[in-house]
Amino acid sequence: MIKSAIQDVIEGEFNAEITSVHPVHGGDINDAYRVTLQNSSVYFIKVNDRFDNMFEVEAKGLQILRDASHSLIIPGVKFHNHELLILEFLEEHKSPSFEDSYNLGIGLAELHANTFTSFGLDHSNYIGSLHQQNNHHSSWADFYISERIEPQLRLVQKKGNLESISPAHLQKLHKCVDAICPREPPALLHGDLWSGNYFFTQQGPAIFDPAIYYGHREVDLAMTKLFGGFDSSFYEGYTSKSPIQPNFSDRINLYNLYPMLVHANIFGGHYVERAKQIIFEYVR
């Protein structure tokens, strides 16, 4: 159950007593609950006091997604401080149809149509429990290597893993990214789009738990291939709005090197070896 201090904050913010608290799935990082108030309002709350600004940047990311032009449902932020995030509660629709998945693809393509002049974001945020820096770059290869691969590689090497990966390997990887990734404008990304970060509501597909930035749109598409959960109708919906560039399958592992390094840093184990395999798949 939630601490009394958290309960006091919630009741004070909404001027209503809490009548029920039910733990719900909220990922590996936060404690998550469905909270019902005396006035029948229902909210989704996350609790975590281990990160000073995690909920601040999550709230900011959700608002950026809400302000963008697309048809996806994004939960509204009701309140946040350093240890508490209160969101609109979205009810999951348990029997999604072909059309639901198709509309998720359409919505993601619409999200990616929101573009910017450079790769990055005006603030840093998080990918899982790890810091994610978003300094602006005009080149996708520069951004991807400097802001994504290098920081995660340094972190994993501090733990005594992947020490055989040298600056020379990174230079070759940079050249590979520059050579094989299509030239496209920086697109607004969810940034952590795996099967646990979306579901379907009666009103349409919803996405949440973002790690947003302006990047190559194929990053989001590649992650949908990493842990499953996206069926063929999703890709049909996406391509109905925004065709996928030729030879995308050749680039999937290159994009998924980043989440693989993130998992290597958080979980270790086989993710370390898989990251190494991906690097040497592209660095000859």
C-alpha atoms as a PDB file:
ATOM      1  CA  MET A   1       0.000   0.000   0.000  1.00  0.00           C
ATOM      2  CA  ILE A   2       1.035   3.613  -0.418  1.00  0.00           C
ATOM      3  CA  LYS A   3       2.698   5.540   2.375  1.00  0.00           C
ATOM      4  CA  SER A   4       0.548   7.863   4.464  1.00  0.00           C
ATOM      5  CA  ALA A   5       2.556  10.873   3.248  1.00  0.00           C
ATOM      6  CA  ILE A   6       1.743   9.966  -0.370  1.00  0.00           C
ATOM      7  CA  GLN A   7      -1.905   9.472   0.561  1.00  0.00           C
ATOM      8  CA  ASP A   8      -1.955  12.916   2.157  1.00  0.00           C
ATOM      9  CA  VAL A   9      -0.551  14.503  -1.002  1.00  0.00           C
ATOM     10  CA  ILE A  10      -3.151  12.825  -3.221  1.00  0.00           C
ATOM     11  CA  GLU A  11      -6.073  13.681  -0.971  1.00  0.00           C
ATOM     12  CA  GLY A  12      -4.846  17.245  -0.595  1.00  0.00           C
ATOM     13  CA  GLU A  13      -4.371  17.701  -4.326  1.00  0.00           C
ATOM     14  CA  PHE A  14      -7.893  16.506  -5.202  1.00  0.00           C
ATOM     15  CA  ASN A  15      -9.659  17.515  -1.972  1.00  0.00           C
ATOM     16  CA  ALA A  16     -11.185  14.041  -1.643  1.00  0.00           C
ATOM     17  CA  GLU A  17     -10.461  10.966   0.449  1.00  0.00           C
ATOM     18  CA  ILE A  18      -9.023   7.798  -1.068  1.00  0.00           C
ATOM     19  CA  THR A  19     -11.513   4.924  -0.920  1.00  0.00           C
ATOM     20  CA  SER A  20      -9.446   2.178  -2.570  1.00  0.00           C
ATOM     21  CA  VAL A  21      -5.876   1.447  -3.686  1.00  0.00           C
ATOM     22  CA  HIS A  22      -5.050  -1.508  -5.933  1.00  0.00           C
ATOM     23  CA  PRO A  23      -1.530  -2.428  -7.113  1.00  0.00           C
ATOM     24  CA  VAL A  24      -1.277  -2.669 -10.889  1.00  0.00           C
ATOM     25  CA  HIS A  25       1.453  -3.499 -13.379  1.00  0.00           C
ATOM     26  CA  GLY A  26       3.762  -0.510 -13.717  1.00  0.00           C
ATOM     27  CA  GLY A  27       7.080  -1.849 -14.956  1.00  0.00           C
ATOM     28  CA  ASP A  28      10.265  -2.822 -13.159  1.00  0.00           C
ATOM     29  CA  ILE A  29      11.185   0.609 -11.807  1.00  0.00           C
ATOM     30  CA  ASN A  30       8.153   2.087 -10.051  1.00  0.00           C
ATOM     31  CA  ASP A  31       5.395   0.950  -7.726  1.00  0.00           C
ATOM     32  CA  ALA A  32       2.105   1.546  -9.513  1.00  0.00           C
ATOM     33  CA  TYR A  33      -1.481   1.700  -8.271  1.00  0.00           C
ATOM     34  CA  ARG A  34      -5.041   2.347  -9.308  1.00  0.00           C
ATOM     35  CA  VAL A  35      -6.460   4.844  -6.836  1.00  0.00           C
ATOM     36  CA  THR A  36     -10.161   5.627  -6.433  1.00  0.00           C
ATOM     37  CA  LEU A  37     -11.335   8.712  -4.588  1.00  0.00           C
ATOM     38  CA  GLN A  38     -14.516   9.380  -2.651  1.00  0.00           C
ATOM     39  CA  ASN A  39     -15.835  11.465  -5.557  1.00  0.00           C
ATOM     40  CA  SER A  40     -15.477   8.370  -7.818  1.00  0.00           C
ATOM     41  CA  SER A  41     -12.467   9.759  -9.694  1.00  0.00           C
ATOM     42  CA  VAL A  42      -9.912   7.111 -10.667  1.00  0.00           C
ATOM     43  CA  TYR A  43      -6.210   7.729 -11.241  1.00  0.00           C
ATOM     44  CA  PHE A  44      -3.095   5.789 -12.130  1.00  0.00           C
ATOM     45  CA  ILE A  45      -0.195   6.638  -9.846  1.00  0.00           C
ATOM     46  CA  LYS A  46       3.493   5.807  -9.852  1.00  0.00           C
ATOM     47  CA  VAL A  47       5.615   6.016  -6.718  1.00  0.00           C
ATOM     48  CA  ASN A  48       9.415   6.133  -6.636  1.00  0.00           C
ATOM     49  CA  ASP A  49      11.744   8.264  -4.512  1.00  0.00           C
ATOM     50  CA  ARG A  50      15.060   7.064  -6.017  1.00  0.00           C
ATOM     51  CA  PHE A  51      15.248   9.584  -8.898  1.00  0.00           C
ATOM     52  CA  ASP A  52      15.152  13.342  -8.403  1.00  0.00           C
ATOM     53  CA  ASN A  53      13.567  14.335 -11.713  1.00  0.00           C
ATOM     54  CA  MET A  54      12.310  11.127 -13.347  1.00  0.00           C
ATOM     55  CA  PHE A  55       8.638  12.019 -12.945  1.00  0.00           C
ATOM     56  CA  GLU A  56       9.238  15.606 -13.991  1.00  0.00           C
ATOM     57  CA  VAL A  57      10.713  14.577 -17.340  1.00  0.00           C
ATOM     58  CA  GLU A  58       8.140  11.798 -17.816  1.00  0.00           C
ATOM     59  CA  ALA A  59       5.370  14.336 -17.310  1.00  0.00           C
ATOM     60  CA  LYS A  60       7.076  16.686 -19.759  1.00  0.00           C
ATOM     61  CA  GLY A  61       7.414  13.895 -22.324  1.00  0.00           C
ATOM     62  CA  LEU A  62       3.769  12.904 -22.010  1.00  0.00           C
ATOM     63  CA  GLN A  63       2.703  16.521 -22.492  1.00  0.00           C
ATOM     64  CA  ILE A  64       4.865  16.864 -25.600  1.00  0.00           C
ATOM     65  CA  LEU A  65       3.194  13.748 -27.004  1.00  0.00           C
ATOM     66  CA  ARG A  66      -0.251  15.116 -26.120  1.00  0.00           C
ATOM     67  CA  ASP A  67       0.536  18.416 -27.841  1.00  0.00           C
ATOM     68  CA  ALA A  68       1.740  16.735 -31.039  1.00  0.00           C
ATOM     69  CA  SER A  69      -0.543  15.995 -33.982  1.00  0.00           C
ATOM     70  CA  HIS A  70      -1.659  12.329 -34.093  1.00  0.00           C
ATOM     71  CA  SER A  71      -4.589  10.062 -33.206  1.00  0.00           C
ATOM     72  CA  LEU A  72      -2.984   8.097 -30.358  1.00  0.00           C
ATOM     73  CA  ILE A  73      -4.280   8.363 -26.811  1.00  0.00           C
ATOM     74  CA  ILE A  74      -1.781   9.730 -24.279  1.00  0.00           C
ATOM     75  CA  PRO A  75      -2.663   9.734 -20.561  1.00  0.00           C
ATOM     76  CA  GLY A  76      -3.010  13.210 -19.113  1.00  0.00           C
ATOM     77  CA  VAL A  77      -0.759  14.283 -16.248  1.00  0.00           C
ATOM     78  CA  LYS A  78      -2.683  15.408 -13.161  1.00  0.00           C
ATOM     79  CA  PHE A  79       0.172  15.959 -10.687  1.00  0.00           C
ATOM     80  CA  HIS A  80       3.829  15.159 -10.143  1.00  0.00           C
ATOM     81  CA  ASN A  81       6.622  15.743  -7.687  1.00  0.00           C
ATOM     82  CA  HIS A  82       9.953  14.007  -7.079  1.00  0.00           C
ATOM     83  CA  GLU A  83       8.349  10.780  -5.795  1.00  0.00           C
ATOM     84  CA  LEU A  84       4.827  10.739  -7.218  1.00  0.00           C
ATOM     85  CA  LEU A  85       3.251  10.867 -10.667  1.00  0.00           C
ATOM     86  CA  ILE A  86      -0.537  10.956 -11.003  1.00  0.00           C
ATOM     87  CA  LEU A  87      -2.010  10.203 -14.424  1.00  0.00           C
ATOM     88  CA  GLU A  88      -5.422   9.897 -15.972  1.00  0.00           C
ATOM     89  CA  PHE A  89      -6.487   6.258 -15.630  1.00  0.00           C
ATOM     90  CA  LEU A  90      -6.962   4.513 -18.972  1.00  0.00           C
ATOM     91  CA  GLU A  91      -9.037   1.343 -19.035  1.00  0.00           C
ATOM     92  CA  GLU A  92      -7.488  -1.391 -21.150  1.00  0.00           C
ATOM     93  CA  HIS A  93      -9.677  -3.081 -23.759  1.00  0.00           C
ATOM     94  CA  LYS A  94      -8.852  -6.781 -23.405  1.00  0.00           C
ATOM     95  CA  SER A  95     -10.022  -8.020 -26.817  1.00  0.00           C
ATOM     96  CA  PRO A  96      -8.244  -5.920 -29.456  1.00  0.00           C
ATOM     97  CA  SER A  97      -9.186  -6.367 -33.091  1.00  0.00           C
ATOM     98  CA  PHE A  98      -7.322  -6.156 -36.384  1.00  0.00           C
ATOM     99  CA  GLU A  99      -8.565  -2.583 -36.646  1.00  0.00           C
ATOM    100  CA  ASP A 100      -7.125  -1.653 -33.236  1.00  0.00           C
ATOM    101  CA  SER A 101      -3.638  -2.770 -34.240  1.00  0.00           C
ATOM    102  CA  TYR A 102      -4.000  -1.140 -37.662  1.00  0.00           C
ATOM    103  CA  ASN A 103      -4.940   2.144 -35.983  1.00  0.00           C
ATOM    104  CA  LEU A 104      -1.917   1.884 -33.687  1.00  0.00           C
ATOM    105  CA  GLY A 105       0.253   1.771 -36.805  1.00  0.00           C
ATOM    106  CA  ILE A 106      -1.542   4.763 -38.282  1.00  0.00           C
ATOM    107  CA  GLY A 107      -1.153   6.686 -35.037  1.00  0.00           C
ATOM    108  CA  LEU A 108       2.577   5.994 -34.842  1.00  0.00           C
ATOM    109  CA  ALA A 109       3.077   7.132 -38.442  1.00  0.00           C
ATOM    110  CA  GLU A 110       1.165  10.318 -37.584  1.00  0.00           C
ATOM    111  CA  LEU A 111       3.371  10.839 -34.527  1.00  0.00           C
ATOM    112  CA  HIS A 112       6.492  10.474 -36.674  1.00  0.00           C
ATOM    113  CA  ALA A 113       5.163  13.144 -39.040  1.00  0.00           C
ATOM    114  CA  ASN A 114       5.893  15.664 -36.259  1.00  0.00           C
ATOM    115  CA  THR A 115       9.436  16.701 -37.179  1.00  0.00           C
ATOM    116  CA  PHE A 116      12.150  19.080 -35.985  1.00  0.00           C
ATOM    117  CA  THR A 117      15.241  20.764 -37.389  1.00  0.00           C
ATOM    118  CA  SER A 118      17.770  18.614 -35.486  1.00  0.00           C
ATOM    119  CA  PHE A 119      18.109  15.287 -33.721  1.00  0.00           C
ATOM    120  CA  GLY A 120      17.728  15.484 -29.950  1.00  0.00           C
ATOM    121  CA  LEU A 121      15.557  17.282 -27.417  1.00  0.00           C
ATOM    122  CA  ASP A 122      15.749  20.368 -25.226  1.00  0.00           C
ATOM    123  CA  HIS A 123      16.202  18.270 -22.072  1.00  0.00           C
ATOM    124  CA  SER A 124      17.626  14.952 -20.950  1.00  0.00           C
ATOM    125  CA  ASN A 125      15.329  12.160 -19.775  1.00  0.00           C
ATOM    126  CA  TYR A 126      15.442   8.446 -18.959  1.00  0.00           C
ATOM    127  CA  ILE A 127      15.393   5.128 -20.766  1.00  0.00           C
ATOM    128  CA  GLY A 128      14.222   2.705 -18.101  1.00  0.00           C
ATOM    129  CA  SER A 129      16.213   3.647 -15.004  1.00  0.00           C
ATOM    130  CA  LEU A 130      19.168   5.034 -16.974  1.00  0.00           C
ATOM    131  CA  HIS A 131      19.920   8.617 -17.894  1.00  0.00           C
ATOM    132  CA  GLN A 132      19.349   9.457 -21.562  1.00  0.00           C
ATOM    133  CA  GLN A 133      21.125  12.531 -22.908  1.00  0.00           C
ATOM    134  CA  ASN A 134      19.614  14.370 -25.872  1.00  0.00           C
ATOM    135  CA  ASN A 135      22.086  17.001 -27.049  1.00  0.00           C
ATOM    136  CA  HIS A 136      21.164  18.325 -30.480  1.00  0.00           C
ATOM    137  CA  HIS A 137      22.976  17.179 -33.631  1.00  0.00           C
ATOM    138  CA  SER A 138      22.332  17.912 -37.287  1.00  0.00           C
ATOM    139  CA  SER A 139      23.510  14.413 -38.287  1.00  0.00           C
ATOM    140  CA  TRP A 140      21.705  11.228 -37.299  1.00  0.00           C
ATOM    141  CA  ALA A 141      24.976   9.284 -37.207  1.00  0.00           C
ATOM    142  CA  ASP A 142      26.532  11.890 -34.888  1.00  0.00           C
ATOM    143  CA  PHE A 143      23.513  11.824 -32.588  1.00  0.00           C
ATOM    144  CA  TYR A 144      23.146   8.065 -32.507  1.00  0.00           C
ATOM    145  CA  ILE A 145      26.775   7.328 -31.716  1.00  0.00           C
ATOM    146  CA  SER A 146      27.445  10.308 -29.389  1.00  0.00           C
ATOM    147  CA  GLU A 147      24.151  10.423 -27.495  1.00  0.00           C
ATOM    148  CA  ARG A 148      23.070   6.797 -27.535  1.00  0.00           C
ATOM    149  CA  ILE A 149      25.808   4.221 -28.117  1.00  0.00           C
ATOM    150  CA  GLU A 150      28.860   5.865 -26.515  1.00  0.00           C
ATOM    151  CA  PRO A 151      27.218   6.655 -23.123  1.00  0.00           C
ATOM    152  CA  GLN A 152      25.799   3.147 -22.755  1.00  0.00           C
ATOM    153  CA  LEU A 153      29.042   1.546 -23.893  1.00  0.00           C
ATOM    154  CA  ARG A 154      31.052   3.568 -21.358  1.00  0.00           C
ATOM    155  CA  LEU A 155      28.674   2.471 -18.632  1.00  0.00           C
ATOM    156  CA  VAL A 156      28.831  -1.200 -19.533  1.00  0.00           C
ATOM    157  CA  GLN A 157      32.617  -1.063 -19.811  1.00  0.00           C
ATOM    158  CA  LYS A 158      32.845   0.398 -16.298  1.00  0.00           C
ATOM    159  CA  LYS A 159      31.222  -2.849 -15.185  1.00  0.00           C
ATOM    160  CA  GLY A 160      33.991  -4.840 -16.861  1.00  0.00           C
ATOM    161  CA  ASN A 161      32.031  -5.850 -19.976  1.00  0.00           C
ATOM    162  CA  LEU A 162      32.640  -5.259 -23.688  1.00  0.00           C
ATOM    163  CA  GLU A 163      36.134  -3.929 -22.974  1.00  0.00           C
ATOM    164  CA  SER A 164      37.270  -5.217 -26.372  1.00  0.00           C
ATOM    165  CA  ILE A 165      35.090  -2.587 -28.096  1.00  0.00           C
ATOM    166  CA  SER A 166      37.442   0.291 -28.908  1.00  0.00           C
ATOM    167  CA  PRO A 167      37.104   3.866 -30.218  1.00  0.00           C
ATOM    168  CA  ALA A 168      38.106   2.482 -33.616  1.00  0.00           C
ATOM    169  CA  HIS A 169      35.078   0.181 -33.546  1.00  0.00           C
ATOM    170  CA  LEU A 170      32.847   3.153 -32.759  1.00  0.00           C
ATOM    171  CA  GLN A 171      34.309   5.126 -35.648  1.00  0.00           C
ATOM    172  CA  LYS A 172      33.506   2.255 -37.987  1.00  0.00           C
ATOM    173  CA  LEU A 173      30.015   1.990 -36.517  1.00  0.00           C
ATOM    174  CA  HIS A 174      29.522   5.725 -37.083  1.00  0.00           C
ATOM    175  CA  LYS A 175      30.463   5.316 -40.743  1.00  0.00           C
ATOM    176  CA  CYS A 176      28.045   2.398 -41.022  1.00  0.00           C
ATOM    177  CA  VAL A 177      25.151   4.381 -39.532  1.00  0.00           C
ATOM    178  CA  ASP A 178      25.907   7.269 -41.866  1.00  0.00           C
ATOM    179  CA  ALA A 179      26.081   4.966 -44.872  1.00  0.00           C
ATOM    180  CA  ILE A 180      23.043   2.735 -44.446  1.00  0.00           C
ATOM    181  CA  CYS A 181      20.430   4.838 -42.585  1.00  0.00           C
ATOM    182  CA  PRO A 182      18.144   6.749 -44.968  1.00  0.00           C
ATOM    183  CA  ARG A 183      18.293  10.536 -44.845  1.00  0.00           C
ATOM    184  CA  GLU A 184      15.072  11.657 -43.180  1.00  0.00           C
ATOM    185  CA  PRO A 185      14.025  14.623 -41.029  1.00  0.00           C
ATOM    186  CA  PRO A 186      14.188  14.110 -37.243  1.00  0.00           C
ATOM    187  CA  ALA A 187      10.866  12.597 -36.169  1.00  0.00           C
ATOM    188  CA  LEU A 188       9.174  12.728 -32.772  1.00  0.00           C
ATOM    189  CA  LEU A 189       9.700   9.270 -31.260  1.00  0.00           C
ATOM    190  CA  HIS A 190       8.141   7.419 -28.367  1.00  0.00           C
ATOM    191  CA  GLY A 191      11.656   6.139 -27.768  1.00  0.00           C
ATOM    192  CA  ASP A 192      10.848   2.961 -25.818  1.00  0.00           C
ATOM    193  CA  LEU A 193       8.125   1.375 -27.908  1.00  0.00           C
ATOM    194  CA  TRP A 194       7.963  -2.249 -26.825  1.00  0.00           C
ATOM    195  CA  SER A 195       4.844  -4.313 -26.199  1.00  0.00           C
ATOM    196  CA  GLY A 196       4.587  -3.268 -22.541  1.00  0.00           C
ATOM    197  CA  ASN A 197       4.251   0.427 -23.369  1.00  0.00           C
ATOM    198  CA  TYR A 198       0.995   0.406 -25.290  1.00  0.00           C
ATOM    199  CA  PHE A 199      -2.461  -1.085 -25.040  1.00  0.00           C
ATOM    200  CA  PHE A 200      -5.886  -0.595 -26.553  1.00  0.00           C
ATOM    201  CA  THR A 201      -8.756   1.315 -24.979  1.00  0.00           C
ATOM    202  CA  GLN A 202     -12.345   1.553 -26.139  1.00  0.00           C
ATOM    203  CA  GLN A 203     -11.415   4.967 -27.562  1.00  0.00           C
ATOM    204  CA  GLY A 204      -8.375   3.736 -29.473  1.00  0.00           C
ATOM    205  CA  PRO A 205      -4.713   2.746 -29.046  1.00  0.00           C
ATOM    206  CA  ALA A 206      -2.798   4.336 -26.168  1.00  0.00           C
ATOM    207  CA  ILE A 207       0.953   4.723 -25.615  1.00  0.00           C
ATOM    208  CA  PHE A 208       2.727   5.636 -22.382  1.00  0.00           C
ATOM    209  CA  ASP A 209       6.065   5.416 -20.479  1.00  0.00           C
ATOM    210  CA  PRO A 210       7.880   7.393 -23.179  1.00  0.00           C
ATOM    211  CA  ALA A 211      11.573   8.168 -23.603  1.00  0.00           C
ATOM    212  CA  ILE A 212      10.952  10.810 -26.240  1.00  0.00           C
ATOM    213  CA  TYR A 213      13.319  12.685 -28.516  1.00  0.00           C
ATOM    214  CA  TYR A 214      13.550  13.656 -32.169  1.00  0.00           C
ATOM    215  CA  GLY A 215      15.332  10.812 -33.914  1.00  0.00           C
ATOM    216  CA  HIS A 216      15.164   8.499 -36.898  1.00  0.00           C
ATOM    217  CA  ARG A 217      11.638   7.093 -37.142  1.00  0.00           C
ATOM    218  CA  GLU A 218      13.026   3.625 -37.860  1.00  0.00           C
ATOM    219  CA  VAL A 219      14.179   3.473 -34.215  1.00  0.00           C
ATOM    220  CA  ASP A 220      10.593   3.051 -32.998  1.00  0.00           C
ATOM    221  CA  LEU A 221       9.839   0.564 -35.766  1.00  0.00           C
ATOM    222  CA  ALA A 222      12.926  -1.497 -34.973  1.00  0.00           C
ATOM    223  CA  MET A 223      12.018  -1.756 -31.292  1.00  0.00           C
ATOM    224  CA  THR A 224       8.630  -3.208 -32.226  1.00  0.00           C
ATOM    225  CA  LYS A 225      10.608  -6.160 -33.589  1.00  0.00           C
ATOM    226  CA  LEU A 226      12.749  -6.595 -30.469  1.00  0.00           C
ATOM    227  CA  PHE A 227      10.387  -8.084 -27.878  1.00  0.00           C
ATOM    228  CA  GLY A 228       7.315  -8.893 -29.962  1.00  0.00           C
ATOM    229  CA  GLY A 229       3.739  -7.812 -29.364  1.00  0.00           C
ATOM    230  CA  PHE A 230       3.087  -6.090 -32.697  1.00  0.00           C
ATOM    231  CA  ASP A 231       1.221  -8.003 -35.373  1.00  0.00           C
ATOM    232  CA  SER A 232       1.139  -7.616 -39.139  1.00  0.00           C
ATOM    233  CA  SER A 233      -1.860  -5.266 -39.101  1.00  0.00           C
ATOM    234  CA  PHE A 234       0.198  -2.717 -37.142  1.00  0.00           C
ATOM    235  CA  TYR A 235       2.729  -2.509 -39.985  1.00  0.00           C
ATOM    236  CA  GLU A 236      -0.072  -2.373 -42.554  1.00  0.00           C
ATOM    237  CA  GLY A 237      -1.511   0.620 -40.735  1.00  0.00           C
ATOM    238  CA  TYR A 238       1.869   2.315 -40.482  1.00  0.00           C
ATOM    239  CA  THR A 239       2.766   1.875 -44.139  1.00  0.00           C
ATOM    240  CA  SER A 240      -0.669   3.108 -45.226  1.00  0.00           C
ATOM    241  CA  LYS A 241       0.426   6.501 -43.900  1.00  0.00           C
ATOM    242  CA  SER A 242       4.209   6.378 -44.212  1.00  0.00           C
ATOM    243  CA  PRO A 243       6.014   3.792 -46.358  1.00  0.00           C
ATOM    244  CA  ILE A 244       9.014   2.089 -44.773  1.00  0.00           C
ATOM    245  CA  GLN A 245      12.265   2.664 -46.642  1.00  0.00           C
ATOM    246  CA  PRO A 246      13.800  -0.258 -48.619  1.00  0.00           C
ATOM    247  CA  ASN A 247      16.117  -2.688 -46.810  1.00  0.00           C
ATOM    248  CA  PHE A 248      14.793  -1.754 -43.361  1.00  0.00           C
ATOM    249  CA  SER A 249      15.423  -5.312 -42.161  1.00  0.00           C
ATOM    250  CA  ASP A 250      19.159  -4.755 -42.715  1.00  0.00           C
ATOM    251  CA  ARG A 251      19.071  -1.865 -40.197  1.00  0.00           C
ATOM    252  CA  ILE A 252      16.891  -3.334 -37.447  1.00  0.00           C
ATOM    253  CA  ASN A 253      19.718  -4.737 -35.327  1.00  0.00           C
ATOM    254  CA  LEU A 254      21.716  -1.524 -35.749  1.00  0.00           C
ATOM    255  CA  TYR A 255      18.911   0.482 -34.152  1.00  0.00           C
ATOM    256  CA  ASN A 256      18.305  -2.164 -31.511  1.00  0.00           C
ATOM    257  CA  LEU A 257      21.922  -2.022 -30.381  1.00  0.00           C
ATOM    258  CA  TYR A 258      20.885   0.867 -28.149  1.00  0.00           C
ATOM    259  CA  PRO A 259      18.149  -0.935 -26.191  1.00  0.00           C
ATOM    260  CA  MET A 260      20.376  -4.011 -26.079  1.00  0.00           C
ATOM    261  CA  LEU A 261      23.123  -1.959 -24.390  1.00  0.00           C
ATOM    262  CA  VAL A 262      20.520  -0.494 -22.032  1.00  0.00           C
ATOM    263  CA  HIS A 263      19.449  -4.009 -21.073  1.00  0.00           C
ATOM    264  CA  ALA A 264      23.088  -5.051 -20.711  1.00  0.00           C
ATOM    265  CA  ASN A 265      23.565  -2.227 -18.200  1.00  0.00           C
ATOM    266  CA  ILE A 266      20.367  -2.909 -16.262  1.00  0.00           C
ATOM    267  CA  PHE A 267      20.186  -6.699 -16.390  1.00  0.00           C
ATOM    268  CA  GLY A 268      23.570  -7.938 -17.622  1.00  0.00           C
ATOM    269  CA  GLY A 269      23.604 -11.599 -18.651  1.00  0.00           C
ATOM    270  CA  HIS A 270      23.069 -12.565 -22.274  1.00  0.00           C
ATOM    271  CA  TYR A 271      22.282  -8.966 -23.279  1.00  0.00           C
ATOM    272  CA  VAL A 272      26.014  -8.180 -23.036  1.00  0.00           C
ATOM    273  CA  GLU A 273      26.952 -10.871 -25.520  1.00  0.00           C
ATOM    274  CA  ARG A 274      24.079  -9.963 -27.821  1.00  0.00           C
ATOM    275  CA  ALA A 275      25.233  -6.321 -27.901  1.00  0.00           C
ATOM    276  CA  LYS A 276      28.711  -7.484 -28.866  1.00  0.00           C
ATOM    277  CA  GLN A 277      27.292  -9.674 -31.623  1.00  0.00           C
ATOM    278  CA  ILE A 278      25.361  -6.727 -33.065  1.00  0.00           C
ATOM    279  CA  ILE A 279      28.415  -4.464 -33.064  1.00  0.00           C
ATOM    280  CA  PHE A 280      30.459  -7.002 -34.986  1.00  0.00           C
ATOM    281  CA  GLU A 281      27.567  -7.639 -37.363  1.00  0.00           C
ATOM    282  CA  TYR A 282      28.035  -4.071 -38.624  1.00  0.00           C
ATOM    283  CA  VAL A 283      31.733  -3.482 -37.926  1.00  0.00           C
ATOM    284  CA  ARG A 284      33.758  -5.686 -40.241  1.00  0.00           C
END
